[in-house]
Amino acid sequence: MEITERDYDILVDTEIIVDVMLGNADITIGEFLKLDDGDIVSLNKIAGSGGDIYVNSRIIGRGDIIVIDDKLAVRVQDAMDSDNVVRYFFEENLI
């Protein structure tokens, strides 16, 4: 699929939602329903291993979790190259 400069210009102004997943856990619905304030759910990742960066449920990179001005942030360490990201958006008809 050929992506024109006009298509690219439209794409770069499109807002997206970026999710960063720190890890996951397998628990039963019963265990989930019993969770209360202060309970802890252990995740499958080792502390300090960073997070996976997703756009529209597709992983596009990985990064380190950091704190800036009392807010969590992600420092990108490994990301999909820009040509593949652009191709993904057009193939999924996300714009």
PDB file of N, CA and C in Angstrom:
ATOM      1  N   MET A   1       0.838  -1.178   0.000  1.00  0.00           N
ATOM      2  CA  MET A   1       0.000   0.000   0.000  1.00  0.00           C
ATOM      3  C   MET A   1       0.884   1.242   0.000  1.00  0.00           C
ATOM      4  N   GLU A   2       0.630   2.124  -0.939  1.00  0.00           N
ATOM      5  CA  GLU A   2       1.388   3.366  -1.042  1.00  0.00           C
ATOM      6  C   GLU A   2       0.744   4.438  -0.162  1.00  0.00           C
ATOM      7  N   ILE A   3       1.532   5.035   0.699  1.00  0.00           N
ATOM      8  CA  ILE A   3       1.045   6.088   1.582  1.00  0.00           C
ATOM      9  C   ILE A   3       1.580   7.414   1.053  1.00  0.00           C
ATOM     10  N   THR A   4       0.662   8.295   0.688  1.00  0.00           N
ATOM     11  CA  THR A   4       1.064   9.574   0.111  1.00  0.00           C
ATOM     12  C   THR A   4       1.486  10.547   1.203  1.00  0.00           C
ATOM     13  N   GLU A   5       2.134  11.623   0.781  1.00  0.00           N
ATOM     14  CA  GLU A   5       2.537  12.665   1.737  1.00  0.00           C
ATOM     15  C   GLU A   5       1.309  13.295   2.385  1.00  0.00           C
ATOM     16  N   ARG A   6       0.224  13.452   1.624  1.00  0.00           N
ATOM     17  CA  ARG A   6      -1.022  14.004   2.165  1.00  0.00           C
ATOM     18  C   ARG A   6      -1.578  13.067   3.250  1.00  0.00           C
ATOM     19  N   ASP A   7      -1.582  11.758   2.969  1.00  0.00           N
ATOM     20  CA  ASP A   7      -2.045  10.779   3.964  1.00  0.00           C
ATOM     21  C   ASP A   7      -1.218  10.892   5.239  1.00  0.00           C
ATOM     22  N   TYR A   8       0.093  11.003   5.066  1.00  0.00           N
ATOM     23  CA  TYR A   8       0.995  11.105   6.207  1.00  0.00           C
ATOM     24  C   TYR A   8       0.703  12.375   7.009  1.00  0.00           C
ATOM     25  N   ASP A   9       0.492  13.501   6.300  1.00  0.00           N
ATOM     26  CA  ASP A   9       0.188  14.765   6.980  1.00  0.00           C
ATOM     27  C   ASP A   9      -1.098  14.661   7.795  1.00  0.00           C
ATOM     28  N   ILE A  10      -2.100  13.967   7.266  1.00  0.00           N
ATOM     29  CA  ILE A  10      -3.358  13.764   8.004  1.00  0.00           C
ATOM     30  C   ILE A  10      -3.101  12.889   9.222  1.00  0.00           C
ATOM     31  N   LEU A  11      -2.317  11.849   9.037  1.00  0.00           N
ATOM     32  CA  LEU A  11      -2.051  10.904  10.123  1.00  0.00           C
ATOM     33  C   LEU A  11      -1.354  11.558  11.306  1.00  0.00           C
ATOM     34  N   VAL A  12      -0.339  12.358  11.062  1.00  0.00           N
ATOM     35  CA  VAL A  12       0.453  12.889  12.174  1.00  0.00           C
ATOM     36  C   VAL A  12      -0.332  13.867  13.038  1.00  0.00           C
ATOM     37  N   ASP A  13      -1.452  14.382  12.563  1.00  0.00           N
ATOM     38  CA  ASP A  13      -2.296  15.271  13.364  1.00  0.00           C
ATOM     39  C   ASP A  13      -3.430  14.531  14.069  1.00  0.00           C
ATOM     40  N   THR A  14      -3.522  13.221  13.868  1.00  0.00           N
ATOM     41  CA  THR A  14      -4.570  12.416  14.481  1.00  0.00           C
ATOM     42  C   THR A  14      -4.178  12.058  15.913  1.00  0.00           C
ATOM     43  N   GLU A  15      -5.104  12.299  16.851  1.00  0.00           N
ATOM     44  CA  GLU A  15      -4.831  11.953  18.252  1.00  0.00           C
ATOM     45  C   GLU A  15      -5.060  10.466  18.471  1.00  0.00           C
ATOM     46  N   ILE A  16      -4.220   9.874  19.313  1.00  0.00           N
ATOM     47  CA  ILE A  16      -4.321   8.456  19.650  1.00  0.00           C
ATOM     48  C   ILE A  16      -4.259   8.309  21.163  1.00  0.00           C
ATOM     49  N   ILE A  17      -4.640   7.153  21.636  1.00  0.00           N
ATOM     50  CA  ILE A  17      -4.509   6.829  23.056  1.00  0.00           C
ATOM     51  C   ILE A  17      -3.365   5.831  23.198  1.00  0.00           C
ATOM     52  N   VAL A  18      -2.441   6.164  24.079  1.00  0.00           N
ATOM     53  CA  VAL A  18      -1.291   5.298  24.335  1.00  0.00           C
ATOM     54  C   VAL A  18      -1.484   4.671  25.714  1.00  0.00           C
ATOM     55  N   ASP A  19      -1.406   3.354  25.776  1.00  0.00           N
ATOM     56  CA  ASP A  19      -1.494   2.615  27.041  1.00  0.00           C
ATOM     57  C   ASP A  19      -0.135   2.013  27.337  1.00  0.00           C
ATOM     58  N   VAL A  20       0.224   1.964  28.620  1.00  0.00           N
ATOM     59  CA  VAL A  20       1.456   1.319  29.045  1.00  0.00           C
ATOM     60  C   VAL A  20       1.075   0.240  30.047  1.00  0.00           C
ATOM     61  N   MET A  21       1.407  -1.008  29.730  1.00  0.00           N
ATOM     62  CA  MET A  21       1.066  -2.129  30.606  1.00  0.00           C
ATOM     63  C   MET A  21       2.282  -2.501  31.441  1.00  0.00           C
ATOM     64  N   LEU A  22       2.079  -2.487  32.748  1.00  0.00           N
ATOM     65  CA  LEU A  22       3.160  -2.835  33.665  1.00  0.00           C
ATOM     66  C   LEU A  22       3.314  -4.339  33.830  1.00  0.00           C
ATOM     67  N   GLY A  23       2.263  -5.075  33.565  1.00  0.00           N
ATOM     68  CA  GLY A  23       2.275  -6.529  33.723  1.00  0.00           C
ATOM     69  C   GLY A  23       0.861  -7.030  33.829  1.00  0.00           C
ATOM     70  N   ASN A  24       0.708  -8.332  34.093  1.00  0.00           N
ATOM     71  CA  ASN A  24      -0.633  -8.877  34.283  1.00  0.00           C
ATOM     72  C   ASN A  24      -0.591  -9.999  35.299  1.00  0.00           C
ATOM     73  N   ALA A  25      -1.774 -10.426  35.693  1.00  0.00           N
ATOM     74  CA  ALA A  25      -1.906 -11.502  36.671  1.00  0.00           C
ATOM     75  C   ALA A  25      -3.107 -12.356  36.289  1.00  0.00           C
ATOM     76  N   ASP A  26      -3.000 -13.644  36.502  1.00  0.00           N
ATOM     77  CA  ASP A  26      -4.128 -14.552  36.285  1.00  0.00           C
ATOM     78  C   ASP A  26      -4.786 -14.811  37.628  1.00  0.00           C
ATOM     79  N   ILE A  27      -6.019 -14.348  37.775  1.00  0.00           N
ATOM     80  CA  ILE A  27      -6.792 -14.610  38.988  1.00  0.00           C
ATOM     81  C   ILE A  27      -8.204 -14.999  38.571  1.00  0.00           C
ATOM     82  N   THR A  28      -8.924 -15.620  39.477  1.00  0.00           N
ATOM     83  CA  THR A  28     -10.300 -16.007  39.185  1.00  0.00           C
ATOM     84  C   THR A  28     -11.226 -14.818  39.423  1.00  0.00           C
ATOM     85  N   ILE A  29     -12.410 -14.913  38.885  1.00  0.00           N
ATOM     86  CA  ILE A  29     -13.407 -13.869  39.137  1.00  0.00           C
ATOM     87  C   ILE A  29     -13.695 -13.787  40.629  1.00  0.00           C
ATOM     88  N   GLY A  30     -13.746 -14.924  41.286  1.00  0.00           N
ATOM     89  CA  GLY A  30     -13.978 -14.932  42.736  1.00  0.00           C
ATOM     90  C   GLY A  30     -12.899 -14.166  43.483  1.00  0.00           C
ATOM     91  N   GLU A  31     -11.640 -14.391  43.112  1.00  0.00           N
ATOM     92  CA  GLU A  31     -10.542 -13.662  43.747  1.00  0.00           C
ATOM     93  C   GLU A  31     -10.653 -12.166  43.471  1.00  0.00           C
ATOM     94  N   PHE A  32     -11.027 -11.815  42.234  1.00  0.00           N
ATOM     95  CA  PHE A  32     -11.174 -10.406  41.878  1.00  0.00           C
ATOM     96  C   PHE A  32     -12.272  -9.744  42.703  1.00  0.00           C
ATOM     97  N   LEU A  33     -13.390 -10.450  42.856  1.00  0.00           N
ATOM     98  CA  LEU A  33     -14.519  -9.881  43.606  1.00  0.00           C
ATOM     99  C   LEU A  33     -14.197  -9.686  45.081  1.00  0.00           C
ATOM    100  N   LYS A  34     -13.237 -10.427  45.597  1.00  0.00           N
ATOM    101  CA  LYS A  34     -12.857 -10.310  47.005  1.00  0.00           C
ATOM    102  C   LYS A  34     -11.835  -9.197  47.255  1.00  0.00           C
ATOM    103  N   LEU A  35     -11.294  -8.594  46.189  1.00  0.00           N
ATOM    104  CA  LEU A  35     -10.299  -7.534  46.378  1.00  0.00           C
ATOM    105  C   LEU A  35     -10.907  -6.335  47.083  1.00  0.00           C
ATOM    106  N   ASP A  36     -10.128  -5.746  47.962  1.00  0.00           N
ATOM    107  CA  ASP A  36     -10.580  -4.597  48.728  1.00  0.00           C
ATOM    108  C   ASP A  36      -9.465  -3.552  48.731  1.00  0.00           C
ATOM    109  N   ASP A  37      -9.788  -2.365  49.184  1.00  0.00           N
ATOM    110  CA  ASP A  37      -8.789  -1.305  49.285  1.00  0.00           C
ATOM    111  C   ASP A  37      -7.564  -1.810  50.039  1.00  0.00           C
ATOM    112  N   GLY A  38      -6.394  -1.589  49.480  1.00  0.00           N
ATOM    113  CA  GLY A  38      -5.143  -1.984  50.120  1.00  0.00           C
ATOM    114  C   GLY A  38      -4.661  -3.371  49.756  1.00  0.00           C
ATOM    115  N   ASP A  39      -5.519  -4.205  49.140  1.00  0.00           N
ATOM    116  CA  ASP A  39      -5.075  -5.527  48.704  1.00  0.00           C
ATOM    117  C   ASP A  39      -4.038  -5.382  47.590  1.00  0.00           C
ATOM    118  N   ILE A  40      -3.199  -6.375  47.444  1.00  0.00           N
ATOM    119  CA  ILE A  40      -2.122  -6.337  46.455  1.00  0.00           C
ATOM    120  C   ILE A  40      -2.302  -7.486  45.473  1.00  0.00           C
ATOM    121  N   VAL A  41      -2.173  -7.168  44.199  1.00  0.00           N
ATOM    122  CA  VAL A  41      -2.198  -8.178  43.145  1.00  0.00           C
ATOM    123  C   VAL A  41      -0.796  -8.215  42.544  1.00  0.00           C
ATOM    124  N   SER A  42      -0.123  -9.343  42.664  1.00  0.00           N
ATOM    125  CA  SER A  42       1.230  -9.497  42.123  1.00  0.00           C
ATOM    126  C   SER A  42       1.158  -9.663  40.610  1.00  0.00           C
ATOM    127  N   LEU A  43       2.023  -8.941  39.912  1.00  0.00           N
ATOM    128  CA  LEU A  43       2.075  -9.021  38.465  1.00  0.00           C
ATOM    129  C   LEU A  43       3.169  -9.983  38.022  1.00  0.00           C
ATOM    130  N   ASN A  44       3.150 -10.362  36.765  1.00  0.00           N
ATOM    131  CA  ASN A  44       4.077 -11.370  36.241  1.00  0.00           C
ATOM    132  C   ASN A  44       5.447 -10.817  35.858  1.00  0.00           C
ATOM    133  N   LYS A  45       5.671  -9.515  36.018  1.00  0.00           N
ATOM    134  CA  LYS A  45       6.943  -8.925  35.612  1.00  0.00           C
ATOM    135  C   LYS A  45       7.816  -8.617  36.817  1.00  0.00           C
ATOM    136  N   ILE A  46       9.104  -8.645  36.590  1.00  0.00           N
ATOM    137  CA  ILE A  46      10.078  -8.333  37.636  1.00  0.00           C
ATOM    138  C   ILE A  46      10.135  -6.824  37.824  1.00  0.00           C
ATOM    139  N   ALA A  47      10.253  -6.384  39.078  1.00  0.00           N
ATOM    140  CA  ALA A  47      10.363  -4.957  39.375  1.00  0.00           C
ATOM    141  C   ALA A  47      11.497  -4.349  38.572  1.00  0.00           C
ATOM    142  N   GLY A  48      11.248  -3.182  37.985  1.00  0.00           N
ATOM    143  CA  GLY A  48      12.263  -2.496  37.206  1.00  0.00           C
ATOM    144  C   GLY A  48      12.337  -2.916  35.751  1.00  0.00           C
ATOM    145  N   SER A  49      11.467  -3.842  35.335  1.00  0.00           N
ATOM    146  CA  SER A  49      11.544  -4.329  33.958  1.00  0.00           C
ATOM    147  C   SER A  49      10.822  -3.429  32.959  1.00  0.00           C
ATOM    148  N   GLY A  50      10.187  -2.369  33.420  1.00  0.00           N
ATOM    149  CA  GLY A  50       9.548  -1.422  32.521  1.00  0.00           C
ATOM    150  C   GLY A  50       8.161  -1.851  32.107  1.00  0.00           C
ATOM    151  N   GLY A  51       7.659  -1.181  31.088  1.00  0.00           N
ATOM    152  CA  GLY A  51       6.308  -1.460  30.629  1.00  0.00           C
ATOM    153  C   GLY A  51       6.249  -1.583  29.119  1.00  0.00           C
ATOM    154  N   ASP A  52       5.198  -2.232  28.653  1.00  0.00           N
ATOM    155  CA  ASP A  52       4.959  -2.393  27.223  1.00  0.00           C
ATOM    156  C   ASP A  52       4.051  -1.252  26.767  1.00  0.00           C
ATOM    157  N   ILE A  53       4.404  -0.611  25.651  1.00  0.00           N
ATOM    158  CA  ILE A  53       3.659   0.534  25.139  1.00  0.00           C
ATOM    159  C   ILE A  53       2.727   0.043  24.031  1.00  0.00           C
ATOM    160  N   TYR A  54       1.437   0.337  24.190  1.00  0.00           N
ATOM    161  CA  TYR A  54       0.417  -0.100  23.241  1.00  0.00           C
ATOM    162  C   TYR A  54      -0.308   1.091  22.637  1.00  0.00           C
ATOM    163  N   VAL A  55      -0.707   0.942  21.379  1.00  0.00           N
ATOM    164  CA  VAL A  55      -1.643   1.846  20.723  1.00  0.00           C
ATOM    165  C   VAL A  55      -2.712   0.958  20.103  1.00  0.00           C
ATOM    166  N   ASN A  56      -3.960   1.184  20.508  1.00  0.00           N
ATOM    167  CA  ASN A  56      -5.085   0.394  19.998  1.00  0.00           C
ATOM    168  C   ASN A  56      -4.830  -1.108  20.133  1.00  0.00           C
ATOM    169  N   SER A  57      -4.422  -1.521  21.301  1.00  0.00           N
ATOM    170  CA  SER A  57      -4.215  -2.933  21.648  1.00  0.00           C
ATOM    171  C   SER A  57      -3.062  -3.595  20.905  1.00  0.00           C
ATOM    172  N   ARG A  58      -2.235  -2.828  20.231  1.00  0.00           N
ATOM    173  CA  ARG A  58      -1.081  -3.403  19.523  1.00  0.00           C
ATOM    174  C   ARG A  58       0.195  -2.850  20.143  1.00  0.00           C
ATOM    175  N   ILE A  59       1.088  -3.737  20.512  1.00  0.00           N
ATOM    176  CA  ILE A  59       2.339  -3.293  21.126  1.00  0.00           C
ATOM    177  C   ILE A  59       3.199  -2.597  20.070  1.00  0.00           C
ATOM    178  N   ILE A  60       3.679  -1.402  20.422  1.00  0.00           N
ATOM    179  CA  ILE A  60       4.533  -0.658  19.496  1.00  0.00           C
ATOM    180  C   ILE A  60       5.897  -0.352  20.102  1.00  0.00           C
ATOM    181  N   GLY A  61       6.085  -0.721  21.383  1.00  0.00           N
ATOM    182  CA  GLY A  61       7.382  -0.473  21.988  1.00  0.00           C
ATOM    183  C   GLY A  61       7.428  -0.863  23.451  1.00  0.00           C
ATOM    184  N   ARG A  62       8.579  -0.598  24.055  1.00  0.00           N
ATOM    185  CA  ARG A  62       8.782  -0.859  25.481  1.00  0.00           C
ATOM    186  C   ARG A  62       9.510   0.332  26.074  1.00  0.00           C
ATOM    187  N   GLY A  63       9.323   0.534  27.380  1.00  0.00           N
ATOM    188  CA  GLY A  63       9.998   1.662  28.000  1.00  0.00           C
ATOM    189  C   GLY A  63      10.135   1.506  29.494  1.00  0.00           C
ATOM    190  N   ASP A  64      10.929   2.398  30.086  1.00  0.00           N
ATOM    191  CA  ASP A  64      11.129   2.430  31.534  1.00  0.00           C
ATOM    192  C   ASP A  64      10.083   3.333  32.160  1.00  0.00           C
ATOM    193  N   ILE A  65       9.555   2.915  33.290  1.00  0.00           N
ATOM    194  CA  ILE A  65       8.584   3.713  34.028  1.00  0.00           C
ATOM    195  C   ILE A  65       9.359   4.677  34.911  1.00  0.00           C
ATOM    196  N   ILE A  66       9.035   5.964  34.788  1.00  0.00           N
ATOM    197  CA  ILE A  66       9.711   6.993  35.576  1.00  0.00           C
ATOM    198  C   ILE A  66       8.673   7.918  36.203  1.00  0.00           C
ATOM    199  N   VAL A  67       9.114   8.781  37.098  1.00  0.00           N
ATOM    200  CA  VAL A  67       8.240   9.764  37.726  1.00  0.00           C
ATOM    201  C   VAL A  67       8.733  11.157  37.340  1.00  0.00           C
ATOM    202  N   ILE A  68       7.802  11.989  36.857  1.00  0.00           N
ATOM    203  CA  ILE A  68       8.096  13.378  36.516  1.00  0.00           C
ATOM    204  C   ILE A  68       7.018  14.239  37.161  1.00  0.00           C
ATOM    205  N   ASP A  69       7.431  15.160  38.039  1.00  0.00           N
ATOM    206  CA  ASP A  69       6.473  16.055  38.712  1.00  0.00           C
ATOM    207  C   ASP A  69       5.337  15.273  39.363  1.00  0.00           C
ATOM    208  N   ASP A  70       5.662  14.245  40.097  1.00  0.00           N
ATOM    209  CA  ASP A  70       4.691  13.409  40.819  1.00  0.00           C
ATOM    210  C   ASP A  70       3.724  12.645  39.915  1.00  0.00           C
ATOM    211  N   LYS A  71       4.036  12.507  38.639  1.00  0.00           N
ATOM    212  CA  LYS A  71       3.206  11.739  37.715  1.00  0.00           C
ATOM    213  C   LYS A  71       4.052  10.642  37.088  1.00  0.00           C
ATOM    214  N   LEU A  72       3.412   9.504  36.822  1.00  0.00           N
ATOM    215  CA  LEU A  72       4.105   8.423  36.128  1.00  0.00           C
ATOM    216  C   LEU A  72       4.281   8.788  34.664  1.00  0.00           C
ATOM    217  N   ALA A  73       5.390   8.341  34.089  1.00  0.00           N
ATOM    218  CA  ALA A  73       5.681   8.552  32.676  1.00  0.00           C
ATOM    219  C   ALA A  73       6.446   7.340  32.173  1.00  0.00           C
ATOM    220  N   VAL A  74       6.604   7.258  30.878  1.00  0.00           N
ATOM    221  CA  VAL A  74       7.382   6.164  30.293  1.00  0.00           C
ATOM    222  C   VAL A  74       8.464   6.761  29.401  1.00  0.00           C
ATOM    223  N   ARG A  75       9.685   6.284  29.620  1.00  0.00           N
ATOM    224  CA  ARG A  75      10.814   6.672  28.770  1.00  0.00           C
ATOM    225  C   ARG A  75      10.980   5.572  27.731  1.00  0.00           C
ATOM    226  N   VAL A  76      10.740   5.910  26.475  1.00  0.00           N
ATOM    227  CA  VAL A  76      10.773   4.917  25.401  1.00  0.00           C
ATOM    228  C   VAL A  76      12.188   4.389  25.248  1.00  0.00           C
ATOM    229  N   GLN A  77      12.319   3.069  25.274  1.00  0.00           N
ATOM    230  CA  GLN A  77      13.619   2.409  25.121  1.00  0.00           C
ATOM    231  C   GLN A  77      13.704   1.607  23.826  1.00  0.00           C
ATOM    232  N   ASP A  78      12.573   1.105  23.377  1.00  0.00           N
ATOM    233  CA  ASP A  78      12.546   0.277  22.181  1.00  0.00           C
ATOM    234  C   ASP A  78      11.199   0.506  21.521  1.00  0.00           C
ATOM    235  N   ALA A  79      11.187   1.026  20.298  1.00  0.00           N
ATOM    236  CA  ALA A  79       9.928   1.323  19.625  1.00  0.00           C
ATOM    237  C   ALA A  79       9.948   0.801  18.195  1.00  0.00           C
ATOM    238  N   MET A  80       8.752   0.464  17.719  1.00  0.00           N
ATOM    239  CA  MET A  80       8.574   0.046  16.339  1.00  0.00           C
ATOM    240  C   MET A  80       9.003   1.206  15.431  1.00  0.00           C
ATOM    241  N   ASP A  81       9.630   0.911  14.303  1.00  0.00           N
ATOM    242  CA  ASP A  81      10.071   1.999  13.424  1.00  0.00           C
ATOM    243  C   ASP A  81       8.861   2.734  12.839  1.00  0.00           C
ATOM    244  N   SER A  82       9.062   4.005  12.518  1.00  0.00           N
ATOM    245  CA  SER A  82       7.957   4.882  12.120  1.00  0.00           C
ATOM    246  C   SER A  82       7.227   4.387  10.875  1.00  0.00           C
ATOM    247  N   ASP A  83       7.904   3.785   9.914  1.00  0.00           N
ATOM    248  CA  ASP A  83       7.225   3.273   8.716  1.00  0.00           C
ATOM    249  C   ASP A  83       6.213   2.196   9.072  1.00  0.00           C
ATOM    250  N   ASN A  84       6.583   1.303   9.991  1.00  0.00           N
ATOM    251  CA  ASN A  84       5.659   0.245  10.406  1.00  0.00           C
ATOM    252  C   ASN A  84       4.480   0.806  11.193  1.00  0.00           C
ATOM    253  N   VAL A  85       4.718   1.824  12.017  1.00  0.00           N
ATOM    254  CA  VAL A  85       3.620   2.437  12.769  1.00  0.00           C
ATOM    255  C   VAL A  85       2.635   3.080  11.801  1.00  0.00           C
ATOM    256  N   VAL A  86       3.128   3.845  10.850  1.00  0.00           N
ATOM    257  CA  VAL A  86       2.260   4.507   9.867  1.00  0.00           C
ATOM    258  C   VAL A  86       1.478   3.460   9.075  1.00  0.00           C
ATOM    259  N   ARG A  87       2.141   2.423   8.619  1.00  0.00           N
ATOM    260  CA  ARG A  87       1.482   1.348   7.864  1.00  0.00           C
ATOM    261  C   ARG A  87       0.387   0.696   8.703  1.00  0.00           C
ATOM    262  N   TYR A  88       0.662   0.463   9.969  1.00  0.00           N
ATOM    263  CA  TYR A  88      -0.325  -0.140  10.865  1.00  0.00           C
ATOM    264  C   TYR A  88      -1.593   0.712  10.927  1.00  0.00           C
ATOM    265  N   PHE A  89      -1.441   2.031  11.109  1.00  0.00           N
ATOM    266  CA  PHE A  89      -2.614   2.899  11.199  1.00  0.00           C
ATOM    267  C   PHE A  89      -3.451   2.863   9.919  1.00  0.00           C
ATOM    268  N   PHE A  90      -2.804   2.855   8.791  1.00  0.00           N
ATOM    269  CA  PHE A  90      -3.554   2.818   7.533  1.00  0.00           C
ATOM    270  C   PHE A  90      -4.195   1.457   7.289  1.00  0.00           C
ATOM    271  N   GLU A  91      -3.501   0.374   7.613  1.00  0.00           N
ATOM    272  CA  GLU A  91      -4.070  -0.968   7.410  1.00  0.00           C
ATOM    273  C   GLU A  91      -5.275  -1.198   8.313  1.00  0.00           C
ATOM    274  N   GLU A  92      -5.252  -0.632   9.507  1.00  0.00           N
ATOM    275  CA  GLU A  92      -6.348  -0.813  10.447  1.00  0.00           C
ATOM    276  C   GLU A  92      -7.454   0.227  10.243  1.00  0.00           C
ATOM    277  N   ASN A  93      -7.295   1.102   9.245  1.00  0.00           N
ATOM    278  CA  ASN A  93      -8.273   2.168   8.992  1.00  0.00           C
ATOM    279  C   ASN A  93      -8.548   2.986  10.238  1.00  0.00           C
ATOM    280  N   LEU A  94      -7.504   3.366  10.943  1.00  0.00           N
ATOM    281  CA  LEU A  94      -7.654   4.089  12.211  1.00  0.00           C
ATOM    282  C   LEU A  94      -7.770   5.584  12.018  1.00  0.00           C
ATOM    283  N   ILE A  95      -7.635   6.049  10.797  1.00  0.00           N
ATOM    284  CA  ILE A  95      -7.825   7.485  10.556  1.00  0.00           C
ATOM    285  C   ILE A  95      -8.924   7.702   9.558  1.00  0.00           C
TER     286      ILE A  95
END
